[in-house]
Amino acid sequence: MNTQEEKNFIRKPQNEPLPQTDFYGISDLLTEEHLLIQESIKQFVVKEINPIIDDCYEKAYFPRHLVKQFGEIGAFGATIPQEYGGGGFDEITYGLIMQEIEKGDSGMRSTVSVQSSLVMYPIFAFGSEEQKRKYLPKLATGEFLGCFGLTEPNHGSNPGGMTTNIKDMGDHYILNGSKMWISNSPIADIAVVWAKNEEGRIHGVIVEKGMEGFSAPEIHGKWSLRASITGELVFDNVKIPKENLLPGKSGLGAPLKCLDSARYGISWGAIGAAMDCYETARKYALERIQFDKPIASFQLIQKKLSEMLTEITKAQLLSLRLGQLKNEGKATTAQISMAKRNNVEMAINIAREARQILGGMGITQDYSIMRHMMNLESVITYEGTHDIHLLILGHEITGIQAFK
């Protein structure tokens, strides 16, 4: 084969498009409403997030103005009924929203995920009618930003060991303790906080910004999720009105139900990060010339791209089926753990492979890959660490709990 013939084999003819990230035609399984919402969120990310996110990341700056915009496009509380300000959509819609936002940045997806799954969901699922009508509409529009207080400085994978506590004072509660690694906390208007009562029973309470003794110092010096704002929650004899207790459910199962919702969204979001890394690497490989031809013509590059697309496709099918199960009320914690664990690991591996395709350029701000990679180092350990999800699945398989 001469040089000209070899060049002719580098690219497919123009009437045969190269495979994109919907290789198995997942879009054919979606409704028209799904596709319209997905496209709307995609365009929002392209217009409002992508142009600013690298600068925000470099400066460790949270683009607070996006909170109201997320509310305007219906990103908050997608599955919450419309009567409370939510979208009233199904679980697959929520997943698609998470996927498209995380194509832009994991930190931006974290903001929406926390608001939807960890703040709005527990108020809707466990709150009183008064609490739902007071808080949910404002959270849906972005007028209020919320956070979720479960993790403590000394209790991460073992949330049941929490020391944050509430005492019944008759006409109110007194809240003491602290929470750590809380997304949105320094600027949150409300916090859904989990604490033990005198009998050791876990309850959720709604803590409002400005309550005496409540502070939320920001955590600085992060090398991951730098465009997301993270902090602590500190409670020093905070007076909590009785009507701020979530009455619908107590015990550790209540916050874990919230985590199930968040982990499900993460399983979709991680796919978005992986898709962006893959698309960036594929485009670069077709344009980068070495030895007088695009590096996409080399076997090792094609191997990397083929494996990336295969793993993305497997993850898409996993999350789509999980979404169907959630719509039917059948999804289990172990199934959700499998998807979260698999898909985040898939995404971080793809980010690393994509970075290698770009060589030195892969570490620069000119491309999104390194930012995704650093973000995913947090995603792989929050809402349950990678190994804890393995043990949740192991418990399901064997019936033996390995982490107690």
Protein backbone atom coordinates (compact mmCIF):
# COMPACT_ATOMS: atom_id res chain seq x y z
CA MET A 1 0.00 0.00 0.00
CA ASN A 2 1.52 3.34 -1.04
CA THR A 3 1.39 6.50 1.04
CA GLN A 4 -1.66 7.94 -0.74
CA GLU A 5 -3.62 4.70 -0.36
CA GLU A 6 -2.71 4.61 3.34
CA LYS A 7 -4.04 8.15 3.80
CA ASN A 8 -7.29 7.19 2.13
CA PHE A 9 -7.89 4.62 4.87
CA ILE A 10 -7.45 7.10 7.72
CA ARG A 11 -11.00 8.47 7.67
CA LYS A 12 -14.36 7.04 6.76
CA PRO A 13 -16.20 8.54 3.79
CA GLN A 14 -18.24 11.60 4.83
CA ASN A 15 -21.54 9.81 4.30
CA GLU A 16 -20.59 7.26 6.99
CA PRO A 17 -20.47 9.17 10.29
CA LEU A 18 -17.99 8.08 12.91
CA PRO A 19 -19.57 6.45 15.98
CA GLN A 20 -20.66 8.93 18.61
CA THR A 21 -21.42 8.32 22.28
CA ASP A 22 -24.92 6.94 21.61
CA PHE A 23 -23.50 3.86 19.92
CA TYR A 24 -26.39 1.56 20.90
CA GLY A 25 -29.12 4.03 20.03
CA ILE A 26 -30.14 4.78 23.62
CA SER A 27 -32.05 7.80 22.31
CA ASP A 28 -34.41 5.43 20.50
CA LEU A 29 -35.53 4.15 23.91
CA LEU A 30 -36.33 7.63 25.23
CA THR A 31 -39.55 9.59 24.90
CA GLU A 32 -39.89 12.83 22.99
CA GLU A 33 -40.10 14.62 26.34
CA HIS A 34 -36.86 13.02 27.49
CA LEU A 35 -35.08 14.15 24.34
CA LEU A 36 -36.43 17.71 24.50
CA ILE A 37 -35.34 18.15 28.10
CA GLN A 38 -31.95 16.58 27.42
CA GLU A 39 -31.35 18.93 24.50
CA SER A 40 -32.48 21.94 26.54
CA ILE A 41 -30.04 21.13 29.35
CA LYS A 42 -27.29 20.40 26.84
CA GLN A 43 -27.70 23.82 25.24
CA PHE A 44 -27.71 25.49 28.66
CA VAL A 45 -24.42 23.79 29.54
CA VAL A 46 -22.85 24.82 26.23
CA LYS A 47 -24.00 28.41 26.59
CA GLU A 48 -23.75 29.11 30.33
CA ILE A 49 -21.32 26.64 31.91
CA ASN A 50 -18.66 25.73 29.35
CA PRO A 51 -17.48 29.30 28.64
CA ILE A 52 -16.78 30.08 32.33
CA ILE A 53 -16.04 26.79 34.05
CA ASP A 54 -12.28 26.61 33.45
CA ASP A 55 -11.76 30.10 34.85
CA CYS A 56 -13.99 29.30 37.83
CA TYR A 57 -12.07 26.09 38.44
CA GLU A 58 -8.68 27.79 38.27
CA LYS A 59 -9.79 30.49 40.72
CA ALA A 60 -11.75 28.07 42.97
CA TYR A 61 -14.79 30.26 42.42
CA PHE A 62 -18.38 29.04 42.65
CA PRO A 63 -20.51 30.69 39.93
CA ARG A 64 -23.38 31.51 42.26
CA HIS A 65 -25.44 33.20 39.55
CA LEU A 66 -26.05 29.76 38.02
CA VAL A 67 -28.21 28.74 40.99
CA LYS A 68 -31.11 30.92 39.84
CA GLN A 69 -30.54 29.82 36.26
CA PHE A 70 -30.70 26.16 37.24
CA GLY A 71 -34.05 26.96 38.79
CA GLU A 72 -35.25 28.74 35.67
CA ILE A 73 -34.49 25.77 33.41
CA GLY A 74 -36.11 23.27 35.78
CA ALA A 75 -32.93 21.47 36.83
CA PHE A 76 -33.89 21.46 40.52
CA GLY A 77 -36.37 18.89 41.78
CA ALA A 78 -37.09 17.27 38.43
CA THR A 79 -38.98 14.39 40.05
CA ILE A 80 -40.80 16.51 42.67
CA PRO A 81 -44.51 17.01 41.87
CA GLN A 82 -45.45 20.23 40.12
CA GLU A 83 -47.73 21.28 42.97
CA TYR A 84 -44.59 21.85 45.05
CA GLY A 85 -42.67 23.60 42.27
CA GLY A 86 -40.90 20.58 40.84
CA GLY A 87 -40.94 19.24 37.32
CA GLY A 88 -43.07 16.16 37.95
CA PHE A 89 -40.81 14.17 35.62
CA ASP A 90 -39.68 10.56 35.81
CA GLU A 91 -36.36 9.20 37.05
CA ILE A 92 -34.84 8.87 33.58
CA THR A 93 -35.40 12.59 33.01
CA TYR A 94 -33.55 13.32 36.24
CA GLY A 95 -30.70 11.06 35.11
CA LEU A 96 -30.42 12.78 31.74
CA ILE A 97 -30.27 16.18 33.45
CA MET A 98 -27.42 14.94 35.66
CA GLN A 99 -25.60 13.50 32.63
CA GLU A 100 -25.74 16.71 30.61
CA ILE A 101 -24.73 18.96 33.52
CA GLU A 102 -21.75 16.76 34.42
CA LYS A 103 -20.56 16.95 30.83
CA GLY A 104 -19.92 20.53 31.82
CA ASP A 105 -18.53 19.94 35.30
CA SER A 106 -18.97 17.53 38.21
CA GLY A 107 -19.14 20.42 40.65
CA MET A 108 -22.10 21.93 38.84
CA ARG A 109 -23.82 18.55 38.84
CA SER A 110 -23.09 18.27 42.57
CA THR A 111 -24.90 21.55 43.18
CA VAL A 112 -28.00 20.33 41.37
CA SER A 113 -27.77 16.80 42.78
CA VAL A 114 -27.58 18.03 46.39
CA GLN A 115 -30.48 20.43 45.89
CA SER A 116 -32.68 17.81 44.21
CA SER A 117 -31.82 14.52 45.90
CA LEU A 118 -30.54 15.51 49.32
CA VAL A 119 -32.60 18.60 50.17
CA MET A 120 -35.83 18.60 48.16
CA TYR A 121 -36.28 14.83 48.23
CA PRO A 122 -36.19 14.40 52.06
CA ILE A 123 -38.48 17.38 52.56
CA PHE A 124 -40.92 15.92 50.04
CA ALA A 125 -40.61 12.31 51.26
CA PHE A 126 -40.40 12.88 55.02
CA GLY A 127 -41.59 16.44 55.57
CA SER A 128 -44.92 17.81 56.74
CA GLU A 129 -47.32 19.46 54.30
CA GLU A 130 -46.38 22.81 55.81
CA GLN A 131 -42.66 22.13 55.28
CA LYS A 132 -43.24 21.07 51.68
CA ARG A 133 -45.14 24.23 50.83
CA LYS A 134 -42.77 26.49 52.73
CA TYR A 135 -39.47 25.26 51.29
CA LEU A 136 -39.90 23.24 48.08
CA PRO A 137 -41.12 26.01 45.73
CA LYS A 138 -38.25 28.29 46.75
CA LEU A 139 -35.73 25.48 46.37
CA ALA A 140 -37.15 24.64 42.94
CA THR A 141 -36.66 28.19 41.64
CA GLY A 142 -33.22 28.60 43.16
CA GLU A 143 -34.41 31.36 45.49
CA PHE A 144 -33.20 29.03 48.26
CA LEU A 145 -30.08 26.89 48.06
CA GLY A 146 -29.88 23.92 50.39
CA CYS A 147 -27.33 21.46 51.75
CA PHE A 148 -27.36 18.04 53.43
CA GLY A 149 -25.61 17.37 56.73
CA LEU A 150 -24.77 13.72 57.38
CA THR A 151 -20.98 13.21 57.21
CA GLU A 152 -19.03 14.24 60.30
CA PRO A 153 -15.29 14.80 60.89
CA ASN A 154 -15.02 11.37 62.55
CA HIS A 155 -17.94 9.55 60.91
CA GLY A 156 -17.94 9.17 57.13
CA SER A 157 -18.55 5.60 56.01
CA ASN A 158 -20.16 4.94 59.41
CA PRO A 159 -22.88 7.62 59.57
CA GLY A 160 -24.70 5.68 62.28
CA GLY A 161 -21.87 6.62 64.65
CA MET A 162 -22.70 10.32 64.41
CA THR A 163 -22.35 12.46 67.52
CA THR A 164 -24.41 15.45 66.37
CA ASN A 165 -27.42 15.47 68.66
CA ILE A 166 -30.75 17.10 69.42
CA LYS A 167 -32.34 17.47 72.84
CA ASP A 168 -36.04 17.99 73.39
CA MET A 169 -36.52 21.14 75.45
CA GLY A 170 -40.31 20.99 75.49
CA ASP A 171 -41.28 23.68 73.00
CA HIS A 172 -38.11 23.41 70.87
CA TYR A 173 -34.97 21.33 70.29
CA ILE A 174 -31.34 22.20 70.97
CA LEU A 175 -28.90 21.05 68.27
CA ASN A 176 -25.18 20.51 68.89
CA GLY A 177 -22.41 19.00 66.81
CA SER A 178 -20.77 19.43 63.42
CA LYS A 179 -20.79 18.12 59.86
CA MET A 180 -17.94 18.01 57.34
CA TRP A 181 -17.47 18.04 53.56
CA ILE A 182 -20.87 19.57 52.89
CA SER A 183 -21.49 20.81 49.33
CA ASN A 184 -23.21 24.22 49.12
CA SER A 185 -23.02 24.77 52.89
CA PRO A 186 -21.23 28.17 53.09
CA ILE A 187 -23.97 29.87 51.05
CA ALA A 188 -26.93 27.59 51.77
CA ASP A 189 -30.18 29.09 53.01
CA ILE A 190 -31.25 25.85 54.69
CA ALA A 191 -29.59 22.61 55.76
CA VAL A 192 -31.26 19.23 56.15
CA VAL A 193 -29.30 17.89 59.14
CA TRP A 194 -29.33 14.42 60.67
CA ALA A 195 -28.84 14.12 64.42
CA LYS A 196 -29.46 11.68 67.27
CA ASN A 197 -32.01 12.32 69.99
CA GLU A 198 -31.56 11.32 73.65
CA GLU A 199 -32.55 7.73 72.86
CA GLY A 200 -30.02 7.48 70.02
CA ARG A 201 -32.67 7.63 67.29
CA ILE A 202 -31.66 9.56 64.15
CA HIS A 203 -33.95 12.38 63.04
CA GLY A 204 -33.80 14.99 60.28
CA VAL A 205 -34.20 18.67 61.10
CA ILE A 206 -34.29 21.74 58.88
CA VAL A 207 -31.78 24.34 60.03
CA GLU A 208 -32.17 27.83 58.59
CA LYS A 209 -29.43 30.33 57.84
CA GLY A 210 -29.22 32.96 60.56
CA MET A 211 -30.24 30.74 63.46
CA GLU A 212 -28.14 31.69 66.46
CA GLY A 213 -25.20 29.33 67.01
CA PHE A 214 -25.26 28.01 63.42
CA SER A 215 -22.23 28.64 61.18
CA ALA A 216 -20.94 27.14 57.93
CA PRO A 217 -17.23 27.90 57.37
CA GLU A 218 -15.88 27.22 53.90
CA ILE A 219 -13.24 24.55 53.24
CA HIS A 220 -10.33 25.88 51.17
CA GLY A 221 -7.38 24.28 49.41
CA LYS A 222 -9.25 21.66 47.37
CA TRP A 223 -7.61 20.24 44.25
CA SER A 224 -10.91 18.65 43.23
CA LEU A 225 -14.39 20.12 42.67
CA ARG A 226 -12.79 23.55 42.79
CA ALA A 227 -15.77 25.26 41.15
CA SER A 228 -18.08 23.76 43.77
CA ILE A 229 -18.37 25.41 47.19
CA THR A 230 -17.79 23.09 50.15
CA GLY A 231 -17.79 23.67 53.86
CA GLU A 232 -18.64 22.56 57.36
CA LEU A 233 -21.80 22.87 59.42
CA VAL A 234 -21.26 23.83 63.06
CA PHE A 235 -24.05 23.80 65.66
CA ASP A 236 -23.52 25.42 69.05
CA ASN A 237 -26.72 25.18 71.05
CA VAL A 238 -28.85 26.01 68.01
CA LYS A 239 -32.53 26.43 68.88
CA ILE A 240 -34.63 24.42 66.41
CA PRO A 241 -38.41 24.97 66.32
CA LYS A 242 -40.45 21.80 66.76
CA GLU A 243 -42.04 22.36 63.35
CA ASN A 244 -38.59 22.00 61.71
CA LEU A 245 -38.34 18.30 62.57
CA LEU A 246 -39.00 16.02 59.57
CA PRO A 247 -41.88 13.92 60.90
CA GLY A 248 -42.26 11.32 58.18
CA LYS A 249 -39.37 8.97 58.93
CA SER A 250 -36.63 8.49 61.53
CA GLY A 251 -33.68 6.13 61.83
CA LEU A 252 -30.62 5.74 59.61
CA GLY A 253 -32.82 4.49 56.79
CA ALA A 254 -34.11 8.02 56.20
CA PRO A 255 -30.81 9.65 55.16
CA LEU A 256 -29.79 6.47 53.33
CA LYS A 257 -32.92 6.77 51.16
CA CYS A 258 -31.71 10.25 50.22
CA LEU A 259 -28.29 8.86 49.36
CA ASP A 260 -29.90 6.26 47.10
CA SER A 261 -31.46 9.08 45.09
CA ALA A 262 -28.18 10.99 44.89
CA ARG A 263 -26.15 7.92 43.96
CA TYR A 264 -28.57 7.12 41.17
CA GLY A 265 -28.07 10.61 39.74
CA ILE A 266 -24.30 10.25 40.05
CA SER A 267 -24.40 7.06 37.98
CA TRP A 268 -25.79 9.14 35.11
CA GLY A 269 -23.62 12.16 35.79
CA ALA A 270 -20.38 10.19 35.60
CA ILE A 271 -21.38 9.04 32.12
CA GLY A 272 -21.53 12.70 31.08
CA ALA A 273 -17.98 13.33 32.29
CA ALA A 274 -16.78 10.21 30.48
CA MET A 275 -18.56 11.22 27.27
CA ASP A 276 -16.91 14.63 27.30
CA CYS A 277 -13.46 13.08 27.83
CA TYR A 278 -14.03 10.55 25.06
CA GLU A 279 -15.32 13.14 22.60
CA THR A 280 -12.38 15.42 23.38
CA ALA A 281 -9.86 12.60 22.88
CA ARG A 282 -11.48 11.37 19.65
CA LYS A 283 -11.52 14.84 18.13
CA TYR A 284 -7.90 15.45 19.15
CA ALA A 285 -6.79 12.09 17.78
CA LEU A 286 -8.33 12.87 14.39
CA GLU A 287 -6.63 16.28 14.25
CA ARG A 288 -3.22 15.58 15.81
CA ILE A 289 -0.67 14.68 13.11
CA GLN A 290 2.37 12.54 13.88
CA PHE A 291 4.49 10.67 11.34
CA ASP A 292 2.50 12.45 8.61
CA LYS A 293 -0.92 11.10 9.64
CA PRO A 294 -3.49 11.53 12.41
CA ILE A 295 -2.72 9.59 15.56
CA ALA A 296 -6.27 8.17 15.26
CA SER A 297 -4.83 5.90 12.56
CA PHE A 298 -2.57 4.11 15.05
CA GLN A 299 -3.70 0.79 16.50
CA LEU A 300 -3.07 1.72 20.13
CA ILE A 301 -5.14 4.90 19.86
CA GLN A 302 -7.98 3.01 18.19
CA LYS A 303 -7.79 0.42 20.97
CA LYS A 304 -8.17 3.15 23.61
CA LEU A 305 -11.07 4.82 21.83
CA SER A 306 -12.82 1.50 21.19
CA GLU A 307 -12.56 0.49 24.83
CA MET A 308 -13.78 3.92 25.97
CA LEU A 309 -16.87 3.75 23.78
CA THR A 310 -17.59 0.19 24.90
CA GLU A 311 -17.45 1.13 28.59
CA ILE A 312 -19.59 4.24 28.08
CA THR A 313 -22.20 2.16 26.25
CA LYS A 314 -22.29 -0.45 29.03
CA ALA A 315 -22.70 2.29 31.63
CA GLN A 316 -25.52 3.91 29.65
CA LEU A 317 -27.44 0.65 29.53
CA LEU A 318 -26.85 0.07 33.24
CA SER A 319 -28.21 3.47 34.24
CA LEU A 320 -31.09 3.33 31.79
CA ARG A 321 -32.28 0.01 33.21
CA LEU A 322 -31.79 1.33 36.74
CA GLY A 323 -33.94 4.33 35.83
CA GLN A 324 -36.66 2.01 34.58
CA LEU A 325 -36.52 0.10 37.86
CA LYS A 326 -36.73 3.32 39.85
CA ASN A 327 -39.74 4.42 37.83
CA GLU A 328 -41.39 1.12 38.81
CA GLY A 329 -40.36 1.49 42.47
CA LYS A 330 -38.22 -1.65 42.23
CA ALA A 331 -34.64 -0.35 42.37
CA THR A 332 -32.69 -1.63 45.37
CA THR A 333 -29.84 0.01 47.27
CA ALA A 334 -27.47 -2.70 46.02
CA GLN A 335 -28.47 -2.09 42.40
CA ILE A 336 -27.89 1.63 42.86
CA SER A 337 -24.50 0.97 44.49
CA MET A 338 -23.48 -1.22 41.55
CA ALA A 339 -24.30 1.51 39.04
CA LYS A 340 -22.68 4.33 41.02
CA ARG A 341 -19.51 2.32 41.63
CA ASN A 342 -19.19 0.95 38.09
CA ASN A 343 -19.93 4.17 36.28
CA VAL A 344 -17.66 6.43 38.31
CA GLU A 345 -14.79 3.96 37.98
CA MET A 346 -15.51 3.80 34.25
CA ALA A 347 -15.42 7.60 33.99
CA ILE A 348 -12.19 8.08 35.89
CA ASN A 349 -10.47 5.37 33.84
CA ILE A 350 -11.64 7.00 30.62
CA ALA A 351 -10.41 10.39 31.83
CA ARG A 352 -6.97 8.90 32.44
CA GLU A 353 -6.85 7.17 29.06
CA ALA A 354 -8.10 10.30 27.29
CA ARG A 355 -5.43 12.38 28.99
CA GLN A 356 -2.77 10.04 27.61
CA ILE A 357 -4.10 10.41 24.08
CA LEU A 358 -3.64 14.17 24.39
CA GLY A 359 -0.15 13.80 25.83
CA GLY A 360 1.13 17.00 27.42
CA MET A 361 -1.83 18.98 26.13
CA GLY A 362 -4.07 16.81 28.28
CA ILE A 363 -2.94 18.51 31.47
CA THR A 364 -3.67 22.02 30.23
CA GLN A 365 -6.70 24.21 30.72
CA ASP A 366 -7.23 24.20 26.98
CA TYR A 367 -9.03 20.87 27.40
CA SER A 368 -11.53 19.64 29.99
CA ILE A 369 -10.01 16.21 30.63
CA MET A 370 -7.74 17.00 33.58
CA ARG A 371 -10.52 18.96 35.30
CA HIS A 372 -12.88 16.02 34.91
CA MET A 373 -10.20 13.67 36.21
CA MET A 374 -9.59 15.71 39.35
CA ASN A 375 -13.32 16.12 39.96
CA LEU A 376 -13.94 12.40 39.61
CA GLU A 377 -11.39 11.72 42.35
CA SER A 378 -14.00 13.23 44.69
CA VAL A 379 -17.01 11.66 43.00
CA ILE A 380 -15.50 8.20 43.42
CA THR A 381 -15.50 8.62 47.21
CA TYR A 382 -18.52 10.79 48.00
CA GLU A 383 -22.05 9.48 48.55
CA GLY A 384 -20.36 6.26 49.68
CA THR A 385 -16.77 5.38 48.87
CA HIS A 386 -15.83 3.06 46.02
CA ASP A 387 -15.03 0.23 48.43
CA ILE A 388 -18.12 0.69 50.59
CA HIS A 389 -20.31 0.25 47.51
CA LEU A 390 -18.44 -2.97 46.80
CA LEU A 391 -19.29 -4.17 50.32
CA ILE A 392 -22.94 -3.14 49.97
CA LEU A 393 -23.06 -5.36 46.90
CA GLY A 394 -21.14 -8.09 48.73
CA HIS A 395 -23.71 -8.03 51.52
CA GLU A 396 -26.48 -8.44 48.95
CA ILE A 397 -24.67 -11.40 47.39
CA THR A 398 -23.70 -13.26 50.56
CA GLY A 399 -26.12 -12.03 53.19
CA ILE A 400 -23.11 -11.23 55.40
CA GLN A 401 -22.30 -7.64 56.30
CA ALA A 402 -18.55 -7.12 56.04
CA PHE A 403 -18.21 -3.59 57.41
CA LYS A 404 -19.57 -4.11 60.91
